[in-house]
Amino acid sequence: MDTATAIFTPKDNDPAQRLTGQFNFTQITPTKVHVSGQLTNGMVEKDIKEYKFWIADSLGMLLYELSKGFINGAGGWSINDSGGTNILQSDFEEGFSIKGTYGIVNLKLEISLGSDLLGSAQIKEVV
């Protein structure tokens, strides 16, 4: 089973790297990827519908949108007072896979609040 991870680590003086946390990607079937993760800091708005989650190329161009999956499959996820979340998870059949032609390894998971990028983390294969 193919797996990958994206780890958010804030960087000093970089407002586009405010998040801490980790997301994991697991290939369930050839067409389905399970994504789960938790942020421990950096989420500033309590309304989860204000956030955008996406997989981007090296230039930051959107390739795969994940927001609706997290919001629709939210299962009551929320943002606490310290800017962290409980676990977000959803299964995606958006045309991407962990590896292969439409593989997401070496792409980026990006999270924004409106047009304000909060964090970007490289997706790395777990071996």
C-alpha atoms as a PDB file:
ATOM      1  CA  MET A   1       0.000   0.000   0.000  1.00  0.00           C
ATOM      2  CA  ASP A   2       1.482   3.339  -1.056  1.00  0.00           C
ATOM      3  CA  THR A   3       1.656   6.091   1.576  1.00  0.00           C
ATOM      4  CA  ALA A   4       2.945   9.650   1.772  1.00  0.00           C
ATOM      5  CA  THR A   5       3.098  12.457   4.317  1.00  0.00           C
ATOM      6  CA  ALA A   6       3.176  16.263   4.386  1.00  0.00           C
ATOM      7  CA  ILE A   7       4.597  17.925   7.512  1.00  0.00           C
ATOM      8  CA  PHE A   8       3.902  21.600   8.199  1.00  0.00           C
ATOM      9  CA  THR A   9       6.683  23.410  10.044  1.00  0.00           C
ATOM     10  CA  PRO A  10       6.629  27.191  10.552  1.00  0.00           C
ATOM     11  CA  LYS A  11       9.610  29.218   9.401  1.00  0.00           C
ATOM     12  CA  ASP A  12      10.867  32.379  11.122  1.00  0.00           C
ATOM     13  CA  ASN A  13       9.733  35.599   9.467  1.00  0.00           C
ATOM     14  CA  ASP A  14       7.776  33.753   6.768  1.00  0.00           C
ATOM     15  CA  PRO A  15       4.053  34.597   7.047  1.00  0.00           C
ATOM     16  CA  ALA A  16       3.242  31.884   4.477  1.00  0.00           C
ATOM     17  CA  GLN A  17       4.534  29.186   6.874  1.00  0.00           C
ATOM     18  CA  ARG A  18       2.454  29.626  10.025  1.00  0.00           C
ATOM     19  CA  LEU A  19       1.050  26.118  10.397  1.00  0.00           C
ATOM     20  CA  THR A  20       2.306  23.149  12.359  1.00  0.00           C
ATOM     21  CA  GLY A  21       0.896  19.687  11.820  1.00  0.00           C
ATOM     22  CA  GLN A  22       0.927  16.644   9.597  1.00  0.00           C
ATOM     23  CA  PHE A  23      -1.219  15.029   6.898  1.00  0.00           C
ATOM     24  CA  ASN A  24      -0.981  11.423   5.736  1.00  0.00           C
ATOM     25  CA  PHE A  25      -2.036  10.013   2.374  1.00  0.00           C
ATOM     26  CA  THR A  26      -2.876   6.316   1.888  1.00  0.00           C
ATOM     27  CA  GLN A  27      -3.758   4.668  -1.425  1.00  0.00           C
ATOM     28  CA  ILE A  28      -6.853   2.557  -0.626  1.00  0.00           C
ATOM     29  CA  THR A  29      -7.742   1.433  -4.150  1.00  0.00           C
ATOM     30  CA  PRO A  30      -6.312   2.375  -7.559  1.00  0.00           C
ATOM     31  CA  THR A  31      -8.781   5.297  -7.669  1.00  0.00           C
ATOM     32  CA  LYS A  32      -9.170   6.243  -3.988  1.00  0.00           C
ATOM     33  CA  VAL A  33      -6.779   7.999  -1.593  1.00  0.00           C
ATOM     34  CA  HIS A  34      -7.528   8.429   2.113  1.00  0.00           C
ATOM     35  CA  VAL A  35      -6.202  11.706   3.540  1.00  0.00           C
ATOM     36  CA  SER A  36      -6.063  12.376   7.272  1.00  0.00           C
ATOM     37  CA  GLY A  37      -4.274  14.964   9.314  1.00  0.00           C
ATOM     38  CA  GLN A  38      -4.223  17.360  12.180  1.00  0.00           C
ATOM     39  CA  LEU A  39      -2.920  20.884  12.604  1.00  0.00           C
ATOM     40  CA  THR A  40      -1.602  21.876  16.011  1.00  0.00           C
ATOM     41  CA  ASN A  41      -1.184  25.612  15.442  1.00  0.00           C
ATOM     42  CA  GLY A  42      -1.749  28.432  12.961  1.00  0.00           C
ATOM     43  CA  MET A  43      -5.454  28.296  12.116  1.00  0.00           C
ATOM     44  CA  VAL A  44      -6.800  31.768  12.903  1.00  0.00           C
ATOM     45  CA  GLU A  45     -10.449  31.709  11.758  1.00  0.00           C
ATOM     46  CA  LYS A  46     -12.999  29.458  13.499  1.00  0.00           C
ATOM     47  CA  ASP A  47     -15.231  28.976  10.406  1.00  0.00           C
ATOM     48  CA  ILE A  48     -13.901  25.869   8.640  1.00  0.00           C
ATOM     49  CA  LYS A  49     -15.611  26.863   5.389  1.00  0.00           C
ATOM     50  CA  GLU A  50     -13.221  29.818   5.059  1.00  0.00           C
ATOM     51  CA  TYR A  51     -10.197  27.542   4.507  1.00  0.00           C
ATOM     52  CA  LYS A  52      -8.942  26.066   1.256  1.00  0.00           C
ATOM     53  CA  PHE A  53      -6.922  22.851   1.060  1.00  0.00           C
ATOM     54  CA  TRP A  54      -5.319  21.824  -2.223  1.00  0.00           C
ATOM     55  CA  ILE A  55      -2.491  19.934  -3.838  1.00  0.00           C
ATOM     56  CA  ALA A  56      -0.275  22.210  -5.914  1.00  0.00           C
ATOM     57  CA  ASP A  57       2.689  21.929  -8.257  1.00  0.00           C
ATOM     58  CA  SER A  58       6.059  23.553  -7.533  1.00  0.00           C
ATOM     59  CA  LEU A  59       4.729  26.937  -8.726  1.00  0.00           C
ATOM     60  CA  GLY A  60       1.723  26.815  -6.396  1.00  0.00           C
ATOM     61  CA  MET A  61      -0.789  26.082  -9.162  1.00  0.00           C
ATOM     62  CA  LEU A  62      -3.847  24.166  -7.995  1.00  0.00           C
ATOM     63  CA  LEU A  63      -3.941  20.599  -9.262  1.00  0.00           C
ATOM     64  CA  TYR A  64      -6.405  18.907  -6.881  1.00  0.00           C
ATOM     65  CA  GLU A  65      -8.954  20.572  -4.599  1.00  0.00           C
ATOM     66  CA  LEU A  66      -9.453  18.923  -1.184  1.00  0.00           C
ATOM     67  CA  SER A  67     -11.528  21.542   0.683  1.00  0.00           C
ATOM     68  CA  LYS A  68     -14.962  20.146  -0.110  1.00  0.00           C
ATOM     69  CA  GLY A  69     -13.948  16.666   0.965  1.00  0.00           C
ATOM     70  CA  PHE A  70     -12.759  17.909   4.335  1.00  0.00           C
ATOM     71  CA  ILE A  71     -15.795  20.141   4.850  1.00  0.00           C
ATOM     72  CA  ASN A  72     -18.372  17.593   3.636  1.00  0.00           C
ATOM     73  CA  GLY A  73     -16.650  14.727   5.430  1.00  0.00           C
ATOM     74  CA  ALA A  74     -15.803  16.924   8.385  1.00  0.00           C
ATOM     75  CA  GLY A  75     -17.454  14.743  11.000  1.00  0.00           C
ATOM     76  CA  GLY A  76     -17.547  17.752  13.267  1.00  0.00           C
ATOM     77  CA  TRP A  77     -13.948  18.915  12.951  1.00  0.00           C
ATOM     78  CA  SER A  78     -13.288  22.231  14.558  1.00  0.00           C
ATOM     79  CA  ILE A  79     -10.562  24.735  15.367  1.00  0.00           C
ATOM     80  CA  ASN A  80      -9.574  25.166  19.006  1.00  0.00           C
ATOM     81  CA  ASP A  81      -8.420  28.329  20.792  1.00  0.00           C
ATOM     82  CA  SER A  82      -4.731  27.582  20.182  1.00  0.00           C
ATOM     83  CA  GLY A  83      -5.302  27.438  16.406  1.00  0.00           C
ATOM     84  CA  GLY A  84      -5.177  23.660  16.139  1.00  0.00           C
ATOM     85  CA  THR A  85      -7.743  21.218  14.785  1.00  0.00           C
ATOM     86  CA  ASN A  86      -9.056  17.832  15.657  1.00  0.00           C
ATOM     87  CA  ILE A  87      -8.400  15.179  12.995  1.00  0.00           C
ATOM     88  CA  LEU A  88      -9.517  15.994   9.455  1.00  0.00           C
ATOM     89  CA  GLN A  89     -10.075  13.045   7.160  1.00  0.00           C
ATOM     90  CA  SER A  90     -11.763  12.117   3.939  1.00  0.00           C
ATOM     91  CA  ASP A  91     -11.502   9.691   1.024  1.00  0.00           C
ATOM     92  CA  PHE A  92     -10.805  11.290  -2.342  1.00  0.00           C
ATOM     93  CA  GLU A  93     -11.497   9.974  -5.828  1.00  0.00           C
ATOM     94  CA  GLU A  94     -10.219  13.115  -7.548  1.00  0.00           C
ATOM     95  CA  GLY A  95      -8.004  11.490 -10.162  1.00  0.00           C
ATOM     96  CA  PHE A  96      -4.758  11.511  -8.201  1.00  0.00           C
ATOM     97  CA  SER A  97      -2.738   8.723  -6.624  1.00  0.00           C
ATOM     98  CA  ILE A  98       0.282   8.506  -4.339  1.00  0.00           C
ATOM     99  CA  LYS A  99       2.661   7.399  -7.124  1.00  0.00           C
ATOM    100  CA  GLY A 100       2.467   6.941 -10.873  1.00  0.00           C
ATOM    101  CA  THR A 101       1.308   9.166 -13.706  1.00  0.00           C
ATOM    102  CA  TYR A 102      -0.979  11.242 -11.472  1.00  0.00           C
ATOM    103  CA  GLY A 103       1.161  10.825  -8.364  1.00  0.00           C
ATOM    104  CA  ILE A 104       1.273  13.497  -5.682  1.00  0.00           C
ATOM    105  CA  VAL A 105       4.717  12.638  -4.239  1.00  0.00           C
ATOM    106  CA  ASN A 106       6.955  15.743  -4.426  1.00  0.00           C
ATOM    107  CA  LEU A 107       3.957  18.040  -4.953  1.00  0.00           C
ATOM    108  CA  LYS A 108       2.754  20.353  -2.153  1.00  0.00           C
ATOM    109  CA  LEU A 109      -0.218  20.373   0.187  1.00  0.00           C
ATOM    110  CA  GLU A 110      -1.226  24.004   0.647  1.00  0.00           C
ATOM    111  CA  ILE A 111      -3.693  25.573   3.061  1.00  0.00           C
ATOM    112  CA  SER A 112      -5.036  29.104   2.823  1.00  0.00           C
ATOM    113  CA  LEU A 113      -7.535  31.353   4.525  1.00  0.00           C
ATOM    114  CA  GLY A 114      -9.151  33.126   1.596  1.00  0.00           C
ATOM    115  CA  SER A 115      -6.235  34.326  -0.534  1.00  0.00           C
ATOM    116  CA  ASP A 116      -3.794  34.314   2.433  1.00  0.00           C
ATOM    117  CA  LEU A 117      -1.496  31.264   2.245  1.00  0.00           C
ATOM    118  CA  LEU A 118      -1.008  29.872   5.753  1.00  0.00           C
ATOM    119  CA  GLY A 119       1.237  26.941   4.932  1.00  0.00           C
ATOM    120  CA  SER A 120       2.773  24.753   2.284  1.00  0.00           C
ATOM    121  CA  ALA A 121       4.290  21.322   2.883  1.00  0.00           C
ATOM    122  CA  GLN A 122       6.003  18.992   0.431  1.00  0.00           C
ATOM    123  CA  ILE A 123       4.345  15.596   0.055  1.00  0.00           C
ATOM    124  CA  LYS A 124       6.961  12.913   0.602  1.00  0.00           C
ATOM    125  CA  GLU A 125       6.697   9.191   0.043  1.00  0.00           C
ATOM    126  CA  VAL A 126       6.834   7.053   3.175  1.00  0.00           C
ATOM    127  CA  VAL A 127       9.163   4.121   2.528  1.00  0.00           C
END
